[in-house]
Amino acid sequence: MKKSLLYLFLLLCSSGIAQVLQSENFNALTVGNVGTDITGATAGQGGWLTFNSSGSTNSDNSNYQVVSRASGNNALEITGSNAATGTRYMWKDGLLDSWTTRTDGNNIIEVEFDFNPSVASTSNNGFRLYIFSADATKVLAGIGIAKNATVSGTAYQNVVQGYGHWTSTPGTGTYSFGLGPDAVTPITLQADTWVRLGFSFNKTTGEIKWKGPNFNSTFTGNTTFPTVASGIDPGEVDFLVTTAAGNTLAAVGFYDDLIVRASGTDTLLSNQSNTITDIKFSIYPNPTSSILNILNPNNVQIKNISVVDINGRIVKNQSDSLSQVNVSDLNAGVYFVTIEAAEGKTTKKFIKQ
């Protein structure tokens, strides 16, 4: 990801009528501490504010650092808590003003950035970016990388998760979303390797998208798990480093080339070649009691269809009859159908009545 004026120019051109709301490549900042305090009261370098929630013994300004990359460019390094409490936050004011004055119709806010999870670690820190609502009470969309996570009984490092605001169990709030092809296969990042990630929130529909290497996921909600954020304005984009129960070790993560823009159509990672093509499958009816139909408007070649239950068990798998799945013999509940084509995979959630 080269950093230059040409880079920003290409982003603008590839986005069509998209408008850049915020951007940061850290090259204009001096290597060293970003902030001047950790209370979020006084802006530091580049107008960035830093805040630590209570907890941990490593809670000074040195946790937010501008560092030099091997390429000679700068990046942001954030160090997480060495305890079970002590979340880090870093943000810049002014996004709401930029959003309010955007071009009519540009109701999708898109966030892209480079990320490096650093070396392997046993830390329970998680590295995230969130779009907060204008009143700072809701996470409209986000993406995170958990240094360590257990998925269906198996431990993984650098697991990518999506975040959003919807109604689930036990209520309405911020929930994570697995981005893998099924409930037992998470997306993971290679240690000490840079990748480009992106996510977006559509104010009009509440739709959330997440894109990156080997994943391209969308969540629009359904009867059981409705999104409840449509119509809400974004007000802030934050870097975060979270922690978890039992944590005793701090980890570090690196961020670079952040860009936040408003767009009228999906332009997320449109200039990246390492993402799966956005396959436009849909399923109906949903809920269903018998037949789940697969709508394939682009007539791409489907290779396989599988159905997974909420416990991660594959309950259906078929490489023929690729336009529908008979689920009449399944118990009532929530399931995931994964449709695999040569261009990649997409997973949809459905309810069996």
Protein backbone atom coordinates (compact mmCIF):
# COMPACT_ATOMS: atom_id res chain seq x y z
CA MET A 1 0.00 0.00 0.00
CA LYS A 2 2.09 2.91 -1.23
CA LYS A 3 1.59 6.20 0.55
CA SER A 4 1.61 9.28 -1.61
CA LEU A 5 -0.59 11.96 -3.07
CA LEU A 6 -1.06 9.62 -6.03
CA TYR A 7 -2.48 6.99 -3.66
CA LEU A 8 -5.12 9.40 -2.40
CA PHE A 9 -5.87 10.57 -5.96
CA LEU A 10 -6.46 7.00 -7.12
CA LEU A 11 -8.80 6.38 -4.19
CA LEU A 12 -10.82 9.42 -5.12
CA CYS A 13 -11.02 8.40 -8.76
CA SER A 14 -11.96 4.79 -8.01
CA SER A 15 -14.73 5.97 -5.71
CA GLY A 16 -16.54 7.97 -8.40
CA ILE A 17 -18.62 10.51 -6.48
CA ALA A 18 -17.41 9.25 -3.10
CA GLN A 19 -16.14 11.91 -0.71
CA VAL A 20 -13.18 11.50 1.63
CA LEU A 21 -14.27 12.45 5.15
CA GLN A 22 -11.04 11.61 7.02
CA SER A 23 -7.70 10.08 6.11
CA GLU A 24 -4.39 9.42 7.85
CA ASN A 25 -1.15 7.77 6.76
CA PHE A 26 0.88 9.06 9.77
CA ASN A 27 3.72 10.33 7.55
CA ALA A 28 3.24 13.92 8.67
CA LEU A 29 3.47 12.89 12.33
CA THR A 30 6.69 12.59 14.31
CA VAL A 31 7.86 9.18 15.49
CA GLY A 32 6.96 8.89 19.18
CA ASN A 33 3.88 9.37 21.34
CA VAL A 34 0.67 10.36 19.53
CA GLY A 35 -1.22 11.83 22.47
CA THR A 36 -0.52 14.31 25.24
CA ASP A 37 -2.80 12.66 27.78
CA ILE A 38 -4.98 9.55 28.09
CA THR A 39 -8.22 11.26 29.13
CA GLY A 40 -9.38 12.27 25.63
CA ALA A 41 -9.40 15.95 26.66
CA THR A 42 -6.42 17.33 24.74
CA ALA A 43 -5.59 16.54 21.12
CA GLY A 44 -2.13 15.27 20.31
CA GLN A 45 -0.31 14.92 17.01
CA GLY A 46 -2.52 15.34 13.95
CA GLY A 47 -5.50 16.22 16.13
CA TRP A 48 -5.75 12.66 17.47
CA LEU A 49 -7.21 12.09 20.93
CA THR A 50 -6.32 9.15 23.16
CA PHE A 51 -8.24 7.61 26.06
CA ASN A 52 -7.71 4.64 28.37
CA SER A 53 -10.54 3.10 30.33
CA SER A 54 -9.51 2.13 33.86
CA GLY A 55 -7.38 -0.95 34.35
CA SER A 56 -3.90 -2.36 33.62
CA THR A 57 -0.50 -1.17 34.80
CA ASN A 58 0.66 -0.16 31.30
CA SER A 59 -1.59 2.84 30.79
CA ASP A 60 0.56 5.80 29.78
CA ASN A 61 0.91 7.70 26.50
CA SER A 62 3.54 5.31 25.19
CA ASN A 63 0.75 2.88 24.28
CA TYR A 64 -0.07 5.06 21.25
CA GLN A 65 3.02 5.39 19.08
CA VAL A 66 3.92 6.62 15.61
CA VAL A 67 6.57 4.17 14.41
CA SER A 68 8.66 3.81 11.27
CA ARG A 69 7.89 0.88 8.95
CA ALA A 70 10.52 -1.07 7.06
CA SER A 71 9.30 0.70 3.91
CA GLY A 72 10.42 4.02 5.41
CA ASN A 73 6.85 5.23 5.93
CA ASN A 74 5.19 5.73 9.29
CA ALA A 75 2.44 3.67 10.92
CA LEU A 76 0.45 3.62 14.16
CA GLU A 77 1.33 1.12 16.87
CA ILE A 78 -1.13 0.60 19.74
CA THR A 79 -0.29 -1.55 22.75
CA GLY A 80 -3.14 -3.26 24.54
CA SER A 81 -3.83 -3.74 28.21
CA ASN A 82 -1.82 -6.25 30.25
CA ALA A 83 -4.88 -7.01 32.38
CA ALA A 84 -8.53 -7.99 32.03
CA THR A 85 -9.60 -4.32 31.90
CA GLY A 86 -8.24 -1.19 30.26
CA THR A 87 -9.56 -0.68 26.71
CA ARG A 88 -7.65 1.82 24.51
CA TYR A 89 -9.41 4.37 22.27
CA MET A 90 -7.97 6.76 19.68
CA TRP A 91 -10.07 9.07 17.47
CA LYS A 92 -10.21 12.44 15.76
CA ASP A 93 -13.05 14.96 16.05
CA GLY A 94 -14.77 16.48 13.02
CA LEU A 95 -16.25 13.44 11.27
CA LEU A 96 -19.84 14.39 12.06
CA ASP A 97 -19.36 17.85 10.51
CA SER A 98 -17.91 16.26 7.34
CA TRP A 99 -20.73 13.73 7.20
CA THR A 100 -23.41 16.39 7.66
CA THR A 101 -22.11 18.36 4.66
CA ARG A 102 -21.70 15.33 2.37
CA THR A 103 -23.29 15.20 -1.08
CA ASP A 104 -26.95 14.17 -1.09
CA GLY A 105 -27.30 10.44 -1.64
CA ASN A 106 -23.88 9.50 -0.24
CA ASN A 107 -25.42 7.57 2.64
CA ILE A 108 -22.82 4.81 2.92
CA ILE A 109 -19.84 5.44 5.22
CA GLU A 110 -16.86 3.28 4.25
CA VAL A 111 -13.70 2.66 6.29
CA GLU A 112 -10.53 1.11 4.89
CA PHE A 113 -7.16 0.59 6.55
CA ASP A 114 -4.00 -1.51 6.54
CA PHE A 115 -3.39 -3.77 9.52
CA ASN A 116 -0.54 -5.92 10.82
CA PRO A 117 -1.28 -8.19 13.83
CA SER A 118 2.41 -8.39 14.78
CA VAL A 119 3.98 -11.61 16.07
CA ALA A 120 2.20 -14.55 17.70
CA SER A 121 1.09 -13.92 21.28
CA THR A 122 -0.98 -15.53 24.03
CA SER A 123 -2.58 -12.15 24.83
CA ASN A 124 -6.37 -11.81 24.85
CA ASN A 125 -6.23 -8.32 23.35
CA GLY A 126 -8.41 -7.50 20.35
CA PHE A 127 -7.62 -4.84 17.72
CA ARG A 128 -10.64 -3.08 16.22
CA LEU A 129 -12.02 -0.12 14.30
CA TYR A 130 -15.56 1.08 15.04
CA ILE A 131 -17.97 3.54 13.47
CA PHE A 132 -19.80 5.08 16.43
CA SER A 133 -23.18 6.80 16.17
CA ALA A 134 -23.35 10.59 16.38
CA ASP A 135 -24.45 10.36 20.02
CA ALA A 136 -21.59 7.89 20.74
CA THR A 137 -23.98 5.29 22.20
CA LYS A 138 -24.01 2.70 19.39
CA VAL A 139 -21.46 0.83 17.28
CA LEU A 140 -22.96 1.11 13.79
CA ALA A 141 -20.32 -1.13 12.23
CA GLY A 142 -16.84 -2.36 12.96
CA ILE A 143 -14.18 -4.95 12.32
CA GLY A 144 -11.81 -6.56 14.77
CA ILE A 145 -8.91 -9.00 15.04
CA ALA A 146 -8.79 -11.13 18.19
CA LYS A 147 -5.25 -12.20 19.03
CA ASN A 148 -6.66 -15.44 20.41
CA ALA A 149 -10.16 -16.86 20.01
CA THR A 150 -11.81 -20.25 20.36
CA VAL A 151 -14.25 -21.20 17.60
CA SER A 152 -16.25 -24.40 18.07
CA GLY A 153 -13.72 -25.72 20.56
CA THR A 154 -10.61 -24.95 18.47
CA ALA A 155 -8.13 -22.20 19.35
CA TYR A 156 -7.09 -19.74 16.63
CA GLN A 157 -4.86 -16.67 16.42
CA ASN A 158 -5.70 -13.37 14.71
CA VAL A 159 -9.38 -14.14 14.09
CA VAL A 160 -11.25 -11.50 12.06
CA GLN A 161 -14.74 -10.60 13.32
CA GLY A 162 -17.41 -8.14 12.19
CA TYR A 163 -19.36 -5.92 14.59
CA GLY A 164 -22.67 -4.11 14.40
CA HIS A 165 -25.75 -2.98 16.28
CA TRP A 166 -28.68 -5.36 16.15
CA THR A 167 -31.08 -7.36 18.28
CA SER A 168 -29.95 -10.80 19.39
CA THR A 169 -29.67 -12.63 22.70
CA PRO A 170 -29.92 -11.24 25.37
CA GLY A 171 -31.09 -7.95 23.78
CA THR A 172 -30.20 -5.04 21.53
CA GLY A 173 -26.55 -3.99 21.46
CA THR A 174 -23.16 -4.56 19.86
CA TYR A 175 -22.63 -8.11 18.63
CA SER A 176 -19.81 -9.84 16.78
CA PHE A 177 -20.26 -11.66 13.49
CA GLY A 178 -18.11 -14.54 12.22
CA LEU A 179 -16.87 -13.78 8.70
CA GLY A 180 -15.76 -17.26 7.64
CA PRO A 181 -17.53 -19.49 5.10
CA ASP A 182 -19.35 -21.35 7.89
CA ALA A 183 -19.75 -21.28 11.67
CA VAL A 184 -16.71 -23.50 12.31
CA THR A 185 -14.22 -21.89 9.91
CA PRO A 186 -13.01 -18.44 10.98
CA ILE A 187 -11.07 -15.97 8.88
CA THR A 188 -7.56 -15.59 10.31
CA LEU A 189 -4.63 -13.33 9.49
CA GLN A 190 -1.04 -14.40 9.16
CA ALA A 191 1.22 -13.13 11.93
CA ASP A 192 3.42 -10.11 11.20
CA THR A 193 1.87 -9.53 7.75
CA TRP A 194 0.17 -6.41 6.37
CA VAL A 195 -3.31 -6.75 4.87
CA ARG A 196 -5.98 -4.27 3.82
CA LEU A 197 -9.39 -4.49 5.49
CA GLY A 198 -12.63 -2.58 5.04
CA PHE A 199 -16.13 -2.26 6.42
CA SER A 200 -19.12 0.00 5.78
CA PHE A 201 -22.50 1.09 7.14
CA ASN A 202 -25.47 2.14 5.04
CA LYS A 203 -27.50 4.77 6.93
CA THR A 204 -30.55 4.24 4.71
CA THR A 205 -30.83 0.45 5.02
CA GLY A 206 -28.69 -0.40 8.04
CA GLU A 207 -26.69 -2.83 5.88
CA ILE A 208 -23.14 -3.64 7.05
CA LYS A 209 -20.37 -4.95 4.79
CA TRP A 210 -16.99 -6.42 5.70
CA LYS A 211 -14.26 -7.11 3.13
CA GLY A 212 -10.68 -8.32 3.18
CA PRO A 213 -8.47 -11.22 2.07
CA ASN A 214 -10.70 -14.26 1.48
CA PHE A 215 -13.88 -12.73 2.83
CA ASN A 216 -16.69 -10.54 1.57
CA SER A 217 -19.67 -10.55 3.92
CA THR A 218 -22.90 -8.61 4.22
CA PHE A 219 -25.46 -8.44 7.03
CA THR A 220 -28.85 -6.86 6.58
CA GLY A 221 -30.67 -8.48 9.47
CA ASN A 222 -33.65 -10.83 9.49
CA THR A 223 -36.72 -11.62 11.54
CA THR A 224 -34.77 -13.17 14.41
CA PHE A 225 -31.79 -10.83 14.35
CA PRO A 226 -32.95 -7.44 13.01
CA THR A 227 -30.56 -4.55 12.53
CA VAL A 228 -31.80 -1.50 14.42
CA ALA A 229 -29.37 1.18 13.26
CA SER A 230 -30.89 2.39 9.97
CA GLY A 231 -31.47 6.13 9.93
CA ILE A 232 -28.70 6.83 12.45
CA ASP A 233 -25.84 9.19 11.53
CA PRO A 234 -22.21 8.21 12.13
CA GLY A 235 -20.23 10.57 14.31
CA GLU A 236 -16.81 9.10 14.97
CA VAL A 237 -14.37 6.42 13.79
CA ASP A 238 -12.21 4.97 16.57
CA PHE A 239 -9.18 2.74 16.78
CA LEU A 240 -9.66 0.41 19.74
CA VAL A 241 -7.68 -2.25 21.56
CA THR A 242 -9.87 -4.36 23.82
CA THR A 243 -9.06 -6.95 26.44
CA ALA A 244 -10.81 -9.93 28.01
CA ALA A 245 -11.25 -11.86 31.22
CA GLY A 246 -8.10 -13.60 32.41
CA ASN A 247 -5.75 -11.51 30.30
CA THR A 248 -2.30 -10.86 31.77
CA LEU A 249 -0.25 -9.98 28.69
CA ALA A 250 -0.22 -6.93 26.41
CA ALA A 251 -0.03 -7.31 22.62
CA VAL A 252 0.69 -4.77 19.91
CA GLY A 253 -0.97 -4.15 16.55
CA PHE A 254 -0.14 -1.81 13.68
CA TYR A 255 -2.51 0.36 11.62
CA ASP A 256 -1.84 2.43 8.52
CA ASP A 257 -3.42 4.21 5.52
CA LEU A 258 -6.80 4.92 7.10
CA ILE A 259 -9.44 6.41 4.84
CA VAL A 260 -13.07 7.20 5.72
CA ARG A 261 -15.42 8.22 2.93
CA ALA A 262 -19.09 8.77 2.09
CA SER A 263 -20.39 7.03 -1.03
CA GLY A 264 -23.67 6.45 -2.81
CA THR A 265 -22.74 2.90 -3.87
CA ASP A 266 -20.50 0.14 -2.57
CA THR A 267 -16.89 1.07 -3.40
CA LEU A 268 -15.33 -0.81 -0.48
CA LEU A 269 -11.86 -2.10 -1.40
CA SER A 270 -12.76 -1.55 -5.03
CA ASN A 271 -9.11 -1.09 -5.97
CA GLN A 272 -7.93 -4.23 -4.16
CA SER A 273 -7.17 -7.49 -5.95
CA ASN A 274 -6.99 -9.70 -2.84
CA THR A 275 -10.71 -9.84 -2.10
CA ILE A 276 -13.39 -12.24 -3.29
CA THR A 277 -15.70 -11.01 -6.01
CA ASP A 278 -19.00 -9.78 -4.57
CA ILE A 279 -21.26 -12.67 -5.54
CA LYS A 280 -24.89 -11.54 -5.68
CA PHE A 281 -26.72 -14.63 -4.42
CA SER A 282 -29.93 -14.39 -2.43
CA ILE A 283 -32.17 -16.95 -0.75
CA TYR A 284 -35.95 -17.24 -0.38
CA PRO A 285 -38.31 -17.76 1.28
CA ASN A 286 -36.79 -16.86 4.63
CA PRO A 287 -38.09 -18.20 7.00
CA THR A 288 -38.90 -21.47 5.24
CA SER A 289 -40.49 -24.75 6.27
CA SER A 290 -39.39 -26.88 3.32
CA ILE A 291 -37.57 -25.56 0.25
CA LEU A 292 -34.86 -22.87 0.35
CA ASN A 293 -34.39 -21.42 -3.13
CA ILE A 294 -31.07 -19.99 -4.35
CA LEU A 295 -31.39 -16.94 -6.59
CA ASN A 296 -28.37 -16.59 -8.90
CA PRO A 297 -28.97 -13.43 -11.01
CA ASN A 298 -25.49 -13.40 -12.57
CA ASN A 299 -25.70 -17.10 -13.53
CA VAL A 300 -22.28 -17.89 -12.08
CA GLN A 301 -21.36 -21.56 -11.79
CA ILE A 302 -22.22 -22.87 -8.31
CA LYS A 303 -19.94 -25.70 -7.20
CA ASN A 304 -21.38 -26.66 -3.83
CA ILE A 305 -24.01 -25.74 -1.24
CA SER A 306 -23.73 -26.60 2.45
CA VAL A 307 -25.95 -25.93 5.45
CA VAL A 308 -24.52 -25.54 8.96
CA ASP A 309 -26.45 -25.34 12.23
CA ILE A 310 -25.72 -22.86 15.03
CA ASN A 311 -23.39 -25.38 16.70
CA GLY A 312 -21.18 -25.53 13.62
CA ARG A 313 -22.32 -28.96 12.41
CA ILE A 314 -22.72 -29.51 8.66
CA VAL A 315 -26.25 -30.86 8.26
CA LYS A 316 -26.58 -30.62 4.47
CA ASN A 317 -24.01 -30.76 1.68
CA GLN A 318 -24.81 -31.03 -2.02
CA SER A 319 -23.04 -30.58 -5.34
CA ASP A 320 -26.15 -31.16 -7.45
CA SER A 321 -29.61 -29.52 -7.41
CA LEU A 322 -27.81 -26.21 -6.98
CA SER A 323 -30.85 -23.97 -7.28
CA GLN A 324 -32.57 -25.11 -4.07
CA VAL A 325 -32.10 -27.02 -0.84
CA ASN A 326 -34.74 -29.21 0.80
CA VAL A 327 -34.60 -28.42 4.53
CA SER A 328 -37.93 -30.00 5.49
CA ASP A 329 -36.17 -32.66 7.57
CA LEU A 330 -34.26 -30.12 9.71
CA ASN A 331 -35.36 -29.09 13.18
CA ALA A 332 -36.74 -25.57 13.58
CA GLY A 333 -34.05 -23.00 14.27
CA VAL A 334 -31.32 -20.79 12.80
CA TYR A 335 -28.98 -22.13 10.11
CA PHE A 336 -26.30 -20.86 7.71
CA VAL A 337 -26.17 -21.78 4.02
CA THR A 338 -22.82 -21.41 2.24
CA ILE A 339 -22.88 -21.13 -1.55
CA GLU A 340 -19.53 -21.86 -3.20
CA ALA A 341 -18.63 -20.71 -6.70
CA ALA A 342 -15.37 -20.40 -8.60
CA GLU A 343 -15.29 -16.69 -7.68
CA GLY A 344 -15.50 -17.39 -3.95
CA LYS A 345 -17.99 -18.21 -1.23
CA THR A 346 -20.89 -16.38 0.38
CA THR A 347 -22.82 -17.34 3.51
CA LYS A 348 -26.44 -16.45 4.27
CA LYS A 349 -28.41 -16.96 7.46
CA PHE A 350 -31.92 -18.42 7.34
CA ILE A 351 -34.61 -19.66 9.69
CA LYS A 352 -36.18 -23.11 9.43
CA GLN A 353 -39.75 -23.01 10.73
